[in-house]
Structures are given as C-alpha cells and as structure tokens.
C-alpha cells in the first residue's frame, strides 16, 4: 500500500489575549496565522472513480478546514472562558464583534491541539491527520504531529 501525504495551507487573522501572562501578549493583539494541514492516505485506485488518483480532493479538505477553523476564527478574538477576560468578551460581543470562548489559554500550542481535534472528527475514515503547522509570525510556529500523540 502506497501512502501519500498532501498539504493545504490556509491564512486567517485572529486576535487573542493571554490572561495572566507576564509579557506584552497579556494585551489583546492579533496575528496573521498561517495553517498548513497535512493528511496521509492511499490514493484512490479505482478506474472510473471521479477522485481516481487522489488521497482527498483538495476542495474537500478546504471545505473541512474553512468550516471548522478559518471561517469561525478569521477576524474573531479568542479568550479563555475560565478567566476574567470573559467580561471583555461579553462587551465585545455585545458591540457586534466576533468572539470565541475556549476552555484553554489561546496560545498557538493550545490552538493547534484544538484544531487537530476538530479536523480529525471531520476526515473520512481512510484518511489520517498527519501534521499541522500553525505559524503565528514569520519566525514562530507550533507543530502537531500524529506520531507524537500517545
């Protein structure tokens, strides 16, 4: 069986604040995130199949990532709902801003774990999430690898 990895990249703008952090990132700020999603599977080897030769149609992968991550997170602000930031989140939301409340500190590391869970739930059973790379700045990113998960 020949396995192939394919990758699709996405960009989105998201704000966040790290409650209790001892640096500037405790303040509300934003990033131009770049997310690279790599899946692994066996190309379809069925003559006449409309997806013949593909692991997954890039359009199908794009649909999953847009629905689960890009559309909700783009131009939204993410706060940990277990902190006093929930008050700021409510005020922003009341003023018409898109706000996402999560159960974790919205660092790149924690966001990528959340993204991996969301993506894995949506992938067809014959395709596995292999790696994610979430670039927060040109010089900083977090990576998630399936092989590292135990």
Protein backbone atom coordinates (compact mmCIF):
# COMPACT_ATOMS: atom_id res chain seq x y z
CA UNK A 1 0.00 0.00 0.00
CA UNK A 2 1.43 3.35 -1.04
CA UNK A 3 0.75 6.16 1.36
CA UNK A 4 0.96 9.77 0.24
CA UNK A 5 0.90 12.96 2.29
CA UNK A 6 -0.79 16.04 0.90
CA UNK A 7 -0.77 19.52 2.38
CA UNK A 8 -3.04 22.52 2.00
CA UNK A 9 -2.29 25.91 3.50
CA UNK A 10 -4.70 28.49 4.88
CA UNK A 11 -4.43 32.02 6.29
CA UNK A 12 -6.66 33.87 8.72
CA UNK A 13 -6.49 36.87 11.04
CA UNK A 14 -7.26 36.27 14.70
CA UNK A 15 -6.93 38.28 17.88
CA UNK A 16 -6.32 36.93 21.36
CA UNK A 17 -5.01 37.79 24.79
CA UNK A 18 -3.17 35.58 27.26
CA UNK A 19 -4.66 36.12 30.70
CA UNK A 20 -2.06 36.13 33.48
CA UNK A 21 0.88 36.15 31.07
CA UNK A 22 3.93 38.15 32.21
CA UNK A 23 4.62 39.84 28.88
CA UNK A 24 3.03 42.01 26.21
CA UNK A 25 0.80 39.17 24.97
CA UNK A 26 -1.42 39.68 28.01
CA UNK A 27 -2.86 42.58 25.98
CA UNK A 28 -5.39 41.99 23.21
CA UNK A 29 -3.49 41.71 19.93
CA UNK A 30 -3.70 39.79 16.69
CA UNK A 31 -1.79 37.64 14.26
CA UNK A 32 -1.90 36.74 10.59
CA UNK A 33 -1.97 32.98 11.16
CA UNK A 34 -0.85 30.52 8.52
CA UNK A 35 -2.08 26.96 8.98
CA UNK A 36 -0.58 24.06 7.00
CA UNK A 37 -2.67 20.89 7.17
CA UNK A 38 -1.08 17.60 6.07
CA UNK A 39 -3.12 14.44 5.76
CA UNK A 40 -1.97 10.95 4.78
CA UNK A 41 -3.72 8.19 2.91
CA UNK A 42 -3.68 5.90 -0.08
CA UNK A 43 -4.64 7.39 -3.44
CA UNK A 44 -7.92 6.03 -4.76
CA UNK A 45 -7.08 3.25 -7.22
CA UNK A 46 -10.47 2.71 -8.77
CA UNK A 47 -10.75 3.33 -12.50
CA UNK A 48 -13.73 5.50 -13.31
CA UNK A 49 -13.91 6.93 -9.77
CA UNK A 50 -14.21 10.72 -10.03
CA UNK A 51 -11.43 11.09 -7.42
CA UNK A 52 -9.18 8.45 -9.03
CA UNK A 53 -5.54 9.06 -8.06
CA UNK A 54 -6.36 11.37 -5.15
CA UNK A 55 -5.83 10.84 -1.43
CA UNK A 56 -8.51 13.50 -0.84
CA UNK A 57 -9.77 16.20 -3.14
CA UNK A 58 -8.08 19.47 -2.13
CA UNK A 59 -11.53 21.08 -2.38
CA UNK A 60 -12.95 18.61 0.16
CA UNK A 61 -10.07 19.28 2.55
CA UNK A 62 -10.53 23.02 2.07
CA UNK A 63 -14.23 22.74 2.94
CA UNK A 64 -13.44 20.97 6.23
CA UNK A 65 -10.76 23.47 7.29
CA UNK A 66 -12.81 26.51 6.29
CA UNK A 67 -15.87 25.30 8.21
CA UNK A 68 -14.01 24.19 11.34
CA UNK A 69 -11.23 26.77 11.61
CA UNK A 70 -10.89 29.55 9.04
CA UNK A 71 -14.46 30.81 8.95
CA UNK A 72 -15.03 30.83 12.74
CA UNK A 73 -11.56 32.14 13.70
CA UNK A 74 -10.96 34.68 10.91
CA UNK A 75 -11.31 38.21 12.29
CA UNK A 76 -12.50 36.89 15.65
CA UNK A 77 -10.93 37.36 19.07
CA UNK A 78 -10.24 34.30 21.22
CA UNK A 79 -10.36 34.35 25.01
CA UNK A 80 -10.07 31.69 27.70
CA UNK A 81 -13.60 31.49 29.11
CA UNK A 82 -12.25 30.48 32.54
CA UNK A 83 -10.67 33.90 33.17
CA UNK A 84 -11.90 37.45 33.79
CA UNK A 85 -11.45 38.02 30.04
CA UNK A 86 -14.96 36.62 29.74
CA UNK A 87 -16.23 40.08 30.78
CA UNK A 88 -14.30 41.75 27.96
CA UNK A 89 -15.52 39.04 25.59
CA UNK A 90 -19.13 39.79 26.51
CA UNK A 91 -18.66 43.51 25.99
CA UNK A 92 -17.04 42.96 22.58
CA UNK A 93 -19.73 40.50 21.57
CA UNK A 94 -22.46 42.93 22.66
CA UNK A 95 -20.86 45.51 20.37
CA UNK A 96 -21.05 43.17 17.39
CA UNK A 97 -17.55 41.70 17.43
CA UNK A 98 -16.90 38.03 16.72
CA UNK A 99 -15.63 36.39 19.90
CA UNK A 100 -14.67 32.78 20.54
CA UNK A 101 -14.54 31.50 24.11
CA UNK A 102 -12.38 28.41 24.63
CA UNK A 103 -11.51 26.16 27.57
CA UNK A 104 -7.78 26.83 27.26
CA UNK A 105 -5.18 29.60 27.18
CA UNK A 106 -5.30 30.64 23.48
CA UNK A 107 -1.62 30.09 22.71
CA UNK A 108 -0.53 28.65 19.38
CA UNK A 109 0.24 25.39 21.16
CA UNK A 110 -3.24 25.01 22.59
CA UNK A 111 -4.99 26.28 19.47
CA UNK A 112 -3.24 23.69 17.32
CA UNK A 113 -4.37 20.88 19.65
CA UNK A 114 -7.94 22.19 19.37
CA UNK A 115 -7.62 22.42 15.57
CA UNK A 116 -6.30 18.84 15.35
CA UNK A 117 -9.30 17.54 17.29
CA UNK A 118 -11.74 19.47 15.07
CA UNK A 119 -10.10 18.26 11.84
CA UNK A 120 -9.76 14.60 12.88
CA UNK A 121 -13.51 14.42 13.59
CA UNK A 122 -14.29 15.51 10.03
CA UNK A 123 -11.82 13.45 7.98
CA UNK A 124 -13.02 10.33 6.17
CA UNK A 125 -12.00 7.12 7.98
CA UNK A 126 -9.44 6.18 5.31
CA UNK A 127 -7.52 9.45 5.74
CA UNK A 128 -5.49 10.44 8.81
CA UNK A 129 -4.33 13.82 10.01
CA UNK A 130 -0.54 13.68 9.80
CA UNK A 131 0.75 17.12 10.82
CA UNK A 132 -0.37 20.66 11.45
CA UNK A 133 1.81 23.74 11.46
CA UNK A 134 0.35 26.95 12.85
CA UNK A 135 2.56 29.93 12.05
CA UNK A 136 1.86 32.88 14.35
CA UNK A 137 4.58 35.14 12.96
CA UNK A 138 7.20 34.82 10.25
CA UNK A 139 9.61 33.36 12.79
CA UNK A 140 7.34 31.49 15.23
CA UNK A 141 5.10 28.47 14.82
CA UNK A 142 3.68 25.45 16.63
CA UNK A 143 3.55 21.95 15.17
CA UNK A 144 1.30 18.98 15.87
CA UNK A 145 2.38 15.52 14.67
CA UNK A 146 0.15 12.45 14.84
CA UNK A 147 3.23 10.35 15.67
CA UNK A 148 3.76 12.37 18.85
CA UNK A 149 0.27 11.67 20.21
CA UNK A 150 0.08 8.74 22.62
